[in-house]
């Protein structure tokens, strides 16, 4: 599975960005959103990856408390593209943003997703978001 992020950039506080993550390379009969759940993470120097949002196989979403109300995760199944819409950007949002995908194990409900980085094996290369005050 390959993931390619885009959409990062430099913006002023209060601005918005939409990050994109194109997913490809599914094999062996895997079906994109039946068999996988996905998430967005962010990382700043010296810190671990923080899972900010995830989306389950059935479309259920989950957000970190720190981003609720400002971040929206969504999926275009036809385009095999995951999005993260970020509103009212703040300087503390400055980070390298990654998307990740993981095959759902058989025992995992279709409405469940995870924001724990240790659960993911497939990662993109990251896209930088820089917010100035």
N, C-alpha and C. Protein backbone atom coordinates (compact mmCIF):
# COMPACT_ATOMS: atom_id res chain seq x y z
N UNK A 1 0.85 -1.19 0.00
CA UNK A 1 0.00 0.00 0.00
C UNK A 1 0.89 1.24 0.00
N UNK A 2 0.60 2.15 -0.92
CA UNK A 2 1.35 3.41 -1.00
C UNK A 2 0.42 4.58 -0.66
N UNK A 3 0.97 5.53 0.08
CA UNK A 3 0.22 6.71 0.46
C UNK A 3 1.05 7.95 0.14
N UNK A 4 0.44 8.91 -0.52
CA UNK A 4 1.14 10.14 -0.90
C UNK A 4 0.33 11.34 -0.45
N UNK A 5 0.91 12.10 0.48
CA UNK A 5 0.23 13.29 1.00
C UNK A 5 0.58 14.53 0.17
N UNK A 6 -0.31 15.50 0.22
CA UNK A 6 -0.06 16.80 -0.39
C UNK A 6 -0.97 17.82 0.30
N UNK A 7 -0.75 19.09 0.00
CA UNK A 7 -1.64 20.13 0.50
C UNK A 7 -1.09 20.96 1.64
N UNK A 8 0.07 20.58 2.15
CA UNK A 8 0.67 21.37 3.20
C UNK A 8 1.16 22.71 2.67
N UNK A 9 1.58 23.58 3.58
CA UNK A 9 2.09 24.88 3.17
C UNK A 9 2.26 25.80 4.35
N UNK A 10 2.55 27.05 4.04
CA UNK A 10 2.73 28.08 5.06
C UNK A 10 1.52 29.01 5.04
N UNK A 11 0.88 29.17 6.18
CA UNK A 11 -0.31 30.01 6.27
C UNK A 11 -0.23 30.86 7.52
N UNK A 12 -1.03 31.90 7.55
CA UNK A 12 -1.12 32.73 8.75
C UNK A 12 -2.18 32.17 9.69
N UNK A 13 -2.03 32.48 10.95
CA UNK A 13 -3.00 32.03 11.95
C UNK A 13 -4.40 32.47 11.54
N UNK A 14 -5.34 31.54 11.72
CA UNK A 14 -6.72 31.80 11.34
C UNK A 14 -7.07 31.26 9.96
N UNK A 15 -6.05 30.88 9.21
CA UNK A 15 -6.27 30.37 7.87
C UNK A 15 -6.69 28.90 7.88
N UNK A 16 -6.89 28.35 6.68
CA UNK A 16 -7.34 26.98 6.52
C UNK A 16 -6.48 26.26 5.49
N UNK A 17 -6.44 24.95 5.61
CA UNK A 17 -5.77 24.09 4.64
C UNK A 17 -6.56 22.82 4.49
N UNK A 18 -6.46 22.20 3.32
CA UNK A 18 -6.99 20.85 3.14
C UNK A 18 -5.85 19.94 2.69
N UNK A 19 -5.54 18.97 3.52
CA UNK A 19 -4.51 18.00 3.20
C UNK A 19 -5.15 16.83 2.47
N UNK A 20 -4.41 16.26 1.51
CA UNK A 20 -4.89 15.11 0.75
C UNK A 20 -3.91 13.96 0.88
N UNK A 21 -4.43 12.75 0.78
CA UNK A 21 -3.61 11.54 0.84
C UNK A 21 -4.19 10.55 -0.16
N UNK A 22 -3.47 10.34 -1.25
CA UNK A 22 -3.90 9.39 -2.27
C UNK A 22 -3.37 8.00 -1.92
N UNK A 23 -4.24 7.03 -1.93
CA UNK A 23 -3.91 5.66 -1.52
C UNK A 23 -3.94 4.75 -2.75
N UNK A 24 -2.94 3.88 -2.87
CA UNK A 24 -2.88 2.96 -4.00
C UNK A 24 -2.16 1.69 -3.58
N UNK A 25 -2.21 0.69 -4.47
CA UNK A 25 -1.41 -0.50 -4.24
C UNK A 25 -2.09 -1.63 -3.50
N UNK A 26 -3.40 -1.58 -3.38
CA UNK A 26 -4.09 -2.68 -2.72
C UNK A 26 -4.02 -3.93 -3.60
N UNK A 27 -3.75 -5.05 -2.98
CA UNK A 27 -3.62 -6.31 -3.71
C UNK A 27 -4.38 -7.41 -3.00
N UNK A 28 -4.43 -8.55 -3.64
CA UNK A 28 -4.98 -9.74 -3.01
C UNK A 28 -6.46 -9.66 -2.74
N UNK A 29 -7.17 -8.82 -3.49
CA UNK A 29 -8.60 -8.74 -3.30
C UNK A 29 -9.04 -7.80 -2.21
N UNK A 30 -8.08 -7.10 -1.57
CA UNK A 30 -8.48 -6.13 -0.55
C UNK A 30 -9.33 -5.04 -1.17
N UNK A 31 -10.33 -4.66 -0.48
CA UNK A 31 -11.19 -3.57 -0.90
C UNK A 31 -10.97 -2.41 0.03
N UNK A 32 -10.75 -1.24 -0.56
CA UNK A 32 -10.25 -0.08 0.16
C UNK A 32 -10.92 0.14 1.51
N UNK A 33 -12.12 0.60 1.56
CA UNK A 33 -12.68 1.00 2.84
C UNK A 33 -13.51 -0.12 3.48
N UNK A 34 -13.56 -1.28 2.89
CA UNK A 34 -14.13 -2.41 3.61
C UNK A 34 -13.08 -3.01 4.52
N UNK A 35 -11.83 -3.03 4.05
CA UNK A 35 -10.79 -3.78 4.73
C UNK A 35 -9.79 -2.92 5.49
N UNK A 36 -9.87 -1.59 5.33
CA UNK A 36 -8.87 -0.73 5.95
C UNK A 36 -9.51 0.38 6.78
N UNK A 37 -8.80 0.82 7.79
CA UNK A 37 -9.13 2.07 8.45
C UNK A 37 -7.93 3.00 8.28
N UNK A 38 -8.16 4.31 8.40
CA UNK A 38 -7.11 5.28 8.10
C UNK A 38 -7.08 6.38 9.15
N UNK A 39 -5.97 7.10 9.16
CA UNK A 39 -5.81 8.15 10.16
C UNK A 39 -4.83 9.21 9.67
N UNK A 40 -4.93 10.37 10.30
CA UNK A 40 -3.97 11.45 10.13
C UNK A 40 -3.21 11.63 11.45
N UNK A 41 -1.90 11.84 11.32
CA UNK A 41 -1.03 12.09 12.46
C UNK A 41 -0.26 13.38 12.22
N UNK A 42 0.24 13.97 13.29
CA UNK A 42 1.15 15.10 13.16
C UNK A 42 2.32 14.90 14.11
N UNK A 43 3.46 15.44 13.71
CA UNK A 43 4.68 15.28 14.50
C UNK A 43 5.49 16.55 14.46
N UNK A 44 5.96 16.97 15.63
CA UNK A 44 6.87 18.10 15.74
C UNK A 44 8.21 17.59 16.24
N UNK A 45 9.30 18.33 15.98
CA UNK A 45 10.63 17.87 16.40
C UNK A 45 10.68 17.54 17.88
N UNK A 46 11.22 16.39 18.20
CA UNK A 46 11.39 16.00 19.59
C UNK A 46 10.17 15.35 20.21
N UNK A 47 9.08 15.25 19.44
CA UNK A 47 7.86 14.65 19.96
C UNK A 47 7.44 13.47 19.11
N UNK A 48 6.66 12.59 19.70
CA UNK A 48 6.13 11.46 18.96
C UNK A 48 4.99 11.88 18.05
N UNK A 49 4.51 10.94 17.25
CA UNK A 49 3.40 11.22 16.35
C UNK A 49 2.09 11.23 17.12
N UNK A 50 1.34 12.30 16.95
CA UNK A 50 0.04 12.44 17.60
C UNK A 50 -1.05 12.11 16.59
N UNK A 51 -1.87 11.14 16.91
CA UNK A 51 -3.00 10.82 16.05
C UNK A 51 -4.08 11.86 16.23
N UNK A 52 -4.38 12.63 15.19
CA UNK A 52 -5.36 13.71 15.34
C UNK A 52 -6.76 13.29 14.90
N UNK A 53 -6.86 12.35 13.97
CA UNK A 53 -8.17 11.93 13.48
C UNK A 53 -8.06 10.58 12.81
N UNK A 54 -9.12 9.78 12.91
CA UNK A 54 -9.16 8.51 12.19
C UNK A 54 -10.55 8.30 11.62
N UNK A 55 -10.62 7.42 10.60
CA UNK A 55 -11.89 7.10 9.98
C UNK A 55 -11.97 5.59 9.81
N UNK A 56 -13.08 5.04 10.24
CA UNK A 56 -13.26 3.59 10.22
C UNK A 56 -13.77 3.12 8.87
N UNK A 57 -13.84 1.80 8.72
CA UNK A 57 -14.28 1.21 7.46
C UNK A 57 -15.70 1.64 7.08
N UNK A 58 -16.54 1.87 8.09
CA UNK A 58 -17.92 2.28 7.78
C UNK A 58 -18.10 3.79 7.77
N UNK A 59 -17.00 4.54 7.89
CA UNK A 59 -17.07 5.99 7.84
C UNK A 59 -17.14 6.68 9.19
N UNK A 60 -17.22 5.92 10.27
CA UNK A 60 -17.21 6.52 11.59
C UNK A 60 -15.88 7.24 11.83
N UNK A 61 -15.95 8.42 12.43
CA UNK A 61 -14.74 9.21 12.65
C UNK A 61 -14.48 9.40 14.15
N UNK A 62 -13.22 9.69 14.44
CA UNK A 62 -12.81 9.93 15.82
C UNK A 62 -11.72 10.97 15.80
N UNK A 63 -11.76 11.91 16.78
CA UNK A 63 -10.81 13.00 16.81
C UNK A 63 -10.15 13.13 18.17
N UNK A 64 -8.92 13.62 18.16
CA UNK A 64 -8.26 13.99 19.40
C UNK A 64 -8.97 15.22 19.97
N UNK A 65 -9.03 15.30 21.29
CA UNK A 65 -9.71 16.43 21.94
C UNK A 65 -9.09 17.76 21.53
N UNK A 66 -7.80 17.75 21.25
CA UNK A 66 -7.08 18.99 20.93
C UNK A 66 -7.49 19.59 19.59
N UNK A 67 -8.17 18.80 18.73
CA UNK A 67 -8.50 19.30 17.39
C UNK A 67 -9.99 19.29 17.09
N UNK A 68 -10.79 18.78 18.01
CA UNK A 68 -12.24 18.72 17.77
C UNK A 68 -12.79 20.09 17.45
N UNK A 69 -13.63 20.13 16.43
CA UNK A 69 -14.24 21.37 16.02
C UNK A 69 -13.46 22.13 14.97
N UNK A 70 -12.18 21.80 14.79
CA UNK A 70 -11.36 22.50 13.80
C UNK A 70 -10.88 21.58 12.68
N UNK A 71 -10.71 20.29 12.95
CA UNK A 71 -10.23 19.32 11.97
C UNK A 71 -11.40 18.44 11.53
N UNK A 72 -11.43 18.13 10.24
CA UNK A 72 -12.44 17.23 9.70
C UNK A 72 -11.78 16.22 8.78
N UNK A 73 -11.91 14.93 9.10
CA UNK A 73 -11.38 13.88 8.26
C UNK A 73 -12.50 13.36 7.37
N UNK A 74 -12.17 13.10 6.11
CA UNK A 74 -13.17 12.58 5.18
C UNK A 74 -12.49 11.74 4.12
N UNK A 75 -13.32 11.00 3.37
CA UNK A 75 -12.78 10.05 2.41
C UNK A 75 -13.59 10.13 1.12
N UNK A 76 -12.90 10.20 0.01
CA UNK A 76 -13.52 10.07 -1.31
C UNK A 76 -13.17 8.67 -1.82
N UNK A 77 -14.13 7.75 -1.69
CA UNK A 77 -13.84 6.37 -2.05
C UNK A 77 -13.53 6.24 -3.53
N UNK A 78 -14.25 6.95 -4.35
CA UNK A 78 -14.06 6.83 -5.80
C UNK A 78 -12.66 7.26 -6.21
N UNK A 79 -12.12 8.24 -5.50
CA UNK A 79 -10.80 8.75 -5.82
C UNK A 79 -9.71 8.12 -4.96
N UNK A 80 -10.09 7.22 -4.07
CA UNK A 80 -9.13 6.60 -3.14
C UNK A 80 -8.28 7.66 -2.44
N UNK A 81 -8.94 8.70 -1.98
CA UNK A 81 -8.23 9.83 -1.38
C UNK A 81 -8.81 10.17 -0.02
N UNK A 82 -7.92 10.30 0.94
CA UNK A 82 -8.27 10.71 2.30
C UNK A 82 -7.97 12.20 2.44
N UNK A 83 -8.84 12.92 3.13
CA UNK A 83 -8.64 14.35 3.32
C UNK A 83 -8.61 14.70 4.80
N UNK A 84 -7.95 15.83 5.09
CA UNK A 84 -8.02 16.44 6.41
C UNK A 84 -8.21 17.94 6.19
N UNK A 85 -9.40 18.41 6.50
CA UNK A 85 -9.69 19.84 6.43
C UNK A 85 -9.36 20.47 7.77
N UNK A 86 -8.53 21.50 7.76
CA UNK A 86 -8.12 22.16 8.99
C UNK A 86 -8.56 23.62 8.95
N UNK A 87 -9.37 24.00 9.93
CA UNK A 87 -9.86 25.37 10.02
C UNK A 87 -9.15 26.11 11.16
N UNK A 88 -9.16 27.44 11.06
CA UNK A 88 -8.64 28.27 12.15
C UNK A 88 -7.27 27.78 12.63
N UNK A 89 -6.35 27.66 11.71
CA UNK A 89 -5.01 27.17 12.04
C UNK A 89 -4.33 28.09 13.06
N UNK A 90 -3.61 27.46 13.98
CA UNK A 90 -2.88 28.17 15.01
C UNK A 90 -1.40 27.80 14.95
N UNK A 91 -0.51 28.67 15.46
CA UNK A 91 0.92 28.35 15.40
C UNK A 91 1.26 26.98 16.00
N UNK A 92 0.52 26.57 17.00
CA UNK A 92 0.80 25.26 17.62
C UNK A 92 0.41 24.09 16.73
N UNK A 93 -0.26 24.35 15.61
CA UNK A 93 -0.56 23.31 14.64
C UNK A 93 0.61 23.04 13.71
N UNK A 94 1.65 23.86 13.78
CA UNK A 94 2.82 23.66 12.93
C UNK A 94 3.41 22.27 13.19
N UNK A 95 3.51 21.47 12.13
CA UNK A 95 3.95 20.08 12.28
C UNK A 95 4.09 19.45 10.90
N UNK A 96 4.69 18.28 10.88
CA UNK A 96 4.70 17.43 9.71
C UNK A 96 3.51 16.48 9.84
N UNK A 97 2.61 16.54 8.88
CA UNK A 97 1.38 15.73 8.92
C UNK A 97 1.55 14.48 8.05
N UNK A 98 1.16 13.34 8.60
CA UNK A 98 1.24 12.06 7.92
C UNK A 98 -0.15 11.43 7.83
N UNK A 99 -0.39 10.70 6.74
CA UNK A 99 -1.54 9.82 6.71
C UNK A 99 -1.05 8.38 6.85
N UNK A 100 -1.93 7.53 7.34
CA UNK A 100 -1.58 6.13 7.56
C UNK A 100 -2.80 5.27 7.30
N UNK A 101 -2.54 4.04 6.88
CA UNK A 101 -3.61 3.09 6.60
C UNK A 101 -3.24 1.74 7.19
N UNK A 102 -4.23 1.02 7.67
CA UNK A 102 -3.98 -0.29 8.25
C UNK A 102 -5.14 -1.22 7.93
N UNK A 103 -4.78 -2.44 7.54
CA UNK A 103 -5.80 -3.45 7.27
C UNK A 103 -6.51 -3.82 8.55
N UNK A 104 -7.81 -3.86 8.48
CA UNK A 104 -8.61 -4.16 9.67
C UNK A 104 -8.55 -5.65 9.97
N UNK A 105 -8.11 -6.05 11.17
CA UNK A 105 -8.11 -7.47 11.52
C UNK A 105 -9.54 -8.00 11.61
N UNK A 106 -9.73 -9.31 11.42
CA UNK A 106 -11.09 -9.89 11.38
C UNK A 106 -11.91 -9.62 12.63
N UNK A 107 -11.25 -9.48 13.79
CA UNK A 107 -12.00 -9.30 15.03
C UNK A 107 -12.38 -7.84 15.28
N UNK A 108 -11.92 -6.93 14.41
CA UNK A 108 -12.15 -5.51 14.62
C UNK A 108 -13.45 -5.08 13.95
N UNK A 109 -14.31 -4.41 14.68
CA UNK A 109 -15.58 -3.96 14.13
C UNK A 109 -15.37 -2.93 13.02
N UNK A 110 -16.30 -2.89 12.08
CA UNK A 110 -16.17 -1.98 10.94
C UNK A 110 -16.31 -0.52 11.37
N UNK A 111 -16.88 -0.28 12.55
CA UNK A 111 -17.06 1.10 13.01
C UNK A 111 -15.90 1.59 13.87
N UNK A 112 -14.88 0.73 14.04
CA UNK A 112 -13.75 1.08 14.91
C UNK A 112 -12.57 1.58 14.10
N UNK A 113 -11.91 2.61 14.61
CA UNK A 113 -10.64 3.03 14.04
C UNK A 113 -9.69 3.36 15.20
N UNK A 114 -8.44 3.58 14.88
CA UNK A 114 -7.44 3.82 15.90
C UNK A 114 -6.63 5.06 15.57
N UNK A 115 -6.23 5.81 16.59
CA UNK A 115 -5.30 6.93 16.42
C UNK A 115 -3.94 6.62 17.05
N UNK A 116 -3.68 5.35 17.34
CA UNK A 116 -2.40 4.97 17.92
C UNK A 116 -1.42 4.62 16.81
N UNK A 117 -0.29 5.30 16.77
CA UNK A 117 0.67 5.10 15.68
C UNK A 117 1.19 3.67 15.63
N UNK A 118 1.25 3.00 16.77
CA UNK A 118 1.78 1.63 16.81
C UNK A 118 0.90 0.64 16.07
N UNK A 119 -0.34 1.01 15.77
CA UNK A 119 -1.25 0.11 15.06
C UNK A 119 -1.11 0.17 13.55
N UNK A 120 -0.31 1.07 13.04
CA UNK A 120 -0.24 1.29 11.60
C UNK A 120 1.09 0.82 11.02
N UNK A 121 1.00 0.17 9.85
CA UNK A 121 2.19 -0.31 9.15
C UNK A 121 2.43 0.44 7.85
N UNK A 122 1.44 1.17 7.36
CA UNK A 122 1.55 1.84 6.07
C UNK A 122 1.46 3.35 6.28
N UNK A 123 2.52 4.05 5.87
CA UNK A 123 2.62 5.49 6.10
C UNK A 123 3.00 6.23 4.83
N UNK A 124 2.56 7.48 4.74
CA UNK A 124 3.03 8.36 3.70
C UNK A 124 4.32 9.04 4.13
N UNK A 125 4.81 9.93 3.26
CA UNK A 125 6.09 10.58 3.52
C UNK A 125 5.93 11.87 4.32
N UNK A 126 4.72 12.36 4.44
CA UNK A 126 4.45 13.56 5.23
C UNK A 126 4.35 14.82 4.40
N UNK A 127 3.58 15.77 4.90
CA UNK A 127 3.46 17.08 4.28
C UNK A 127 3.54 18.12 5.39
N UNK A 128 4.36 19.15 5.18
CA UNK A 128 4.64 20.13 6.23
C UNK A 128 3.58 21.22 6.26
N UNK A 129 3.11 21.51 7.46
CA UNK A 129 2.20 22.63 7.70
C UNK A 129 2.90 23.60 8.64
N UNK A 130 3.02 24.85 8.22
CA UNK A 130 3.66 25.88 9.04
C UNK A 130 2.70 27.05 9.19
N UNK A 131 2.43 27.42 10.45
CA UNK A 131 1.47 28.48 10.74
C UNK A 131 2.20 29.62 11.45
N UNK A 132 2.11 30.80 10.90
CA UNK A 132 2.75 31.97 11.49
C UNK A 132 1.69 32.84 12.18
N UNK A 133 2.14 33.51 13.24
CA UNK A 133 1.21 34.35 14.01
C UNK A 133 1.15 35.76 13.48
